[in-house]
Amino acid sequence: MKTISKGKLKANMLKIFREIEQTGEELIVTDHNKAVLIIQPIVKKKSVQEVFGDVQGKLIYLEDINTPTEDEWGEK
């Protein structure tokens, strides 16, 4: 992860913010070589349709999906 001092951030803030927006990378801000802030872009969350849309209607359940899974965890 990239780091930048507060002074360099202040002098180049708009340029740095545009770069973060374009690349999606996080940036650590330092003060006297100590990390004090993280700047990160806001990422839009994907909808359920976007994540699972390609498998919708294609899954086959071999048993009731509500069946307890205690055996799998070694509990009785």
C-alpha atoms as a PDB file:
ATOM      1  CA  MET A   1       0.000   0.000   0.000  1.00  0.00           C
ATOM      2  CA  LYS A   2       1.295   3.450  -0.871  1.00  0.00           C
ATOM      3  CA  THR A   3       2.116   6.036   1.772  1.00  0.00           C
ATOM      4  CA  ILE A   4       2.353   9.811   1.676  1.00  0.00           C
ATOM      5  CA  SER A   5       3.223  12.458   4.260  1.00  0.00           C
ATOM      6  CA  LYS A   6       0.641  15.007   5.348  1.00  0.00           C
ATOM      7  CA  GLY A   7       2.697  17.780   3.759  1.00  0.00           C
ATOM      8  CA  LYS A   8       2.841  16.118   0.329  1.00  0.00           C
ATOM      9  CA  LEU A   9      -0.856  15.263   0.549  1.00  0.00           C
ATOM     10  CA  LYS A  10      -1.726  18.895   1.290  1.00  0.00           C
ATOM     11  CA  ALA A  11       0.296  20.157  -1.672  1.00  0.00           C
ATOM     12  CA  ASN A  12      -1.162  17.630  -4.148  1.00  0.00           C
ATOM     13  CA  MET A  13      -4.542  16.711  -2.670  1.00  0.00           C
ATOM     14  CA  LEU A  14      -6.802  17.031  -5.735  1.00  0.00           C
ATOM     15  CA  LYS A  15      -4.342  15.177  -7.958  1.00  0.00           C
ATOM     16  CA  ILE A  16      -3.994  12.397  -5.374  1.00  0.00           C
ATOM     17  CA  PHE A  17      -7.759  12.129  -4.834  1.00  0.00           C
ATOM     18  CA  ARG A  18      -8.340  11.792  -8.598  1.00  0.00           C
ATOM     19  CA  GLU A  19      -5.689   9.059  -8.749  1.00  0.00           C
ATOM     20  CA  ILE A  20      -7.338   7.148  -5.897  1.00  0.00           C
ATOM     21  CA  GLU A  21     -10.725   7.429  -7.624  1.00  0.00           C
ATOM     22  CA  GLN A  22      -9.284   6.060 -10.877  1.00  0.00           C
ATOM     23  CA  THR A  23      -7.129   3.262  -9.453  1.00  0.00           C
ATOM     24  CA  GLY A  24      -9.253   2.233  -6.475  1.00  0.00           C
ATOM     25  CA  GLU A  25      -6.090   1.921  -4.373  1.00  0.00           C
ATOM     26  CA  GLU A  26      -5.897   2.902  -0.725  1.00  0.00           C
ATOM     27  CA  LEU A  27      -3.385   5.434   0.557  1.00  0.00           C
ATOM     28  CA  ILE A  28      -1.836   5.667   4.019  1.00  0.00           C
ATOM     29  CA  VAL A  29      -1.134   9.192   5.279  1.00  0.00           C
ATOM     30  CA  THR A  30       1.810   9.593   7.637  1.00  0.00           C
ATOM     31  CA  ASP A  31       2.781  12.222  10.182  1.00  0.00           C
ATOM     32  CA  HIS A  32       6.461  12.112  11.183  1.00  0.00           C
ATOM     33  CA  ASN A  33       6.706   8.611   9.597  1.00  0.00           C
ATOM     34  CA  LYS A  34       3.800   7.310  11.684  1.00  0.00           C
ATOM     35  CA  ALA A  35       0.642   6.112   9.909  1.00  0.00           C
ATOM     36  CA  VAL A  36      -2.313   8.265  10.970  1.00  0.00           C
ATOM     37  CA  LEU A  37      -4.977   7.947   8.230  1.00  0.00           C
ATOM     38  CA  ILE A  38      -6.127   5.688   5.434  1.00  0.00           C
ATOM     39  CA  ILE A  39      -7.774   7.228   2.384  1.00  0.00           C
ATOM     40  CA  GLN A  40      -9.837   4.785   0.369  1.00  0.00           C
ATOM     41  CA  PRO A  41     -12.430   5.096  -2.376  1.00  0.00           C
ATOM     42  CA  ILE A  42     -16.056   4.237  -1.716  1.00  0.00           C
ATOM     43  CA  VAL A  43     -16.854   1.042  -3.551  1.00  0.00           C
ATOM     44  CA  LYS A  44     -20.394   0.425  -4.770  1.00  0.00           C
ATOM     45  CA  LYS A  45     -21.664  -2.881  -3.447  1.00  0.00           C
ATOM     46  CA  LYS A  46     -22.878  -5.349  -6.045  1.00  0.00           C
ATOM     47  CA  SER A  47     -26.482  -6.474  -5.988  1.00  0.00           C
ATOM     48  CA  VAL A  48     -27.438 -10.104  -5.408  1.00  0.00           C
ATOM     49  CA  GLN A  49     -28.394 -10.288  -9.081  1.00  0.00           C
ATOM     50  CA  GLU A  50     -24.941  -9.069 -10.161  1.00  0.00           C
ATOM     51  CA  VAL A  51     -23.177 -11.592  -7.919  1.00  0.00           C
ATOM     52  CA  PHE A  52     -25.336 -14.685  -8.437  1.00  0.00           C
ATOM     53  CA  GLY A  53     -27.283 -13.903 -11.628  1.00  0.00           C
ATOM     54  CA  ASP A  54     -25.309 -16.299 -13.835  1.00  0.00           C
ATOM     55  CA  VAL A  55     -26.145 -19.320 -11.628  1.00  0.00           C
ATOM     56  CA  GLN A  56     -29.748 -18.392 -10.847  1.00  0.00           C
ATOM     57  CA  GLY A  57     -32.020 -21.343 -11.646  1.00  0.00           C
ATOM     58  CA  LYS A  58     -29.062 -23.662 -12.321  1.00  0.00           C
ATOM     59  CA  LEU A  59     -28.437 -25.017  -8.811  1.00  0.00           C
ATOM     60  CA  ILE A  60     -29.679 -28.455  -7.827  1.00  0.00           C
ATOM     61  CA  TYR A  61     -30.325 -29.207  -4.162  1.00  0.00           C
ATOM     62  CA  LEU A  62     -29.789 -32.868  -3.275  1.00  0.00           C
ATOM     63  CA  GLU A  63     -31.377 -32.493   0.157  1.00  0.00           C
ATOM     64  CA  ASP A  64     -33.488 -30.056   2.124  1.00  0.00           C
ATOM     65  CA  ILE A  65     -31.379 -26.915   2.554  1.00  0.00           C
ATOM     66  CA  ASN A  66     -32.904 -26.414   6.013  1.00  0.00           C
ATOM     67  CA  THR A  67     -31.519 -29.726   7.321  1.00  0.00           C
ATOM     68  CA  PRO A  68     -29.357 -29.127  10.418  1.00  0.00           C
ATOM     69  CA  THR A  69     -25.627 -29.497   9.831  1.00  0.00           C
ATOM     70  CA  GLU A  70     -24.645 -30.636  13.317  1.00  0.00           C
ATOM     71  CA  ASP A  71     -22.840 -33.731  11.994  1.00  0.00           C
ATOM     72  CA  GLU A  72     -20.556 -31.561   9.917  1.00  0.00           C
ATOM     73  CA  TRP A  73     -19.461 -29.639  13.026  1.00  0.00           C
ATOM     74  CA  GLY A  74     -19.055 -32.679  15.252  1.00  0.00           C
ATOM     75  CA  GLU A  75     -21.868 -31.582  17.580  1.00  0.00           C
ATOM     76  CA  LYS A  76     -24.503 -33.967  18.873  1.00  0.00           C
END
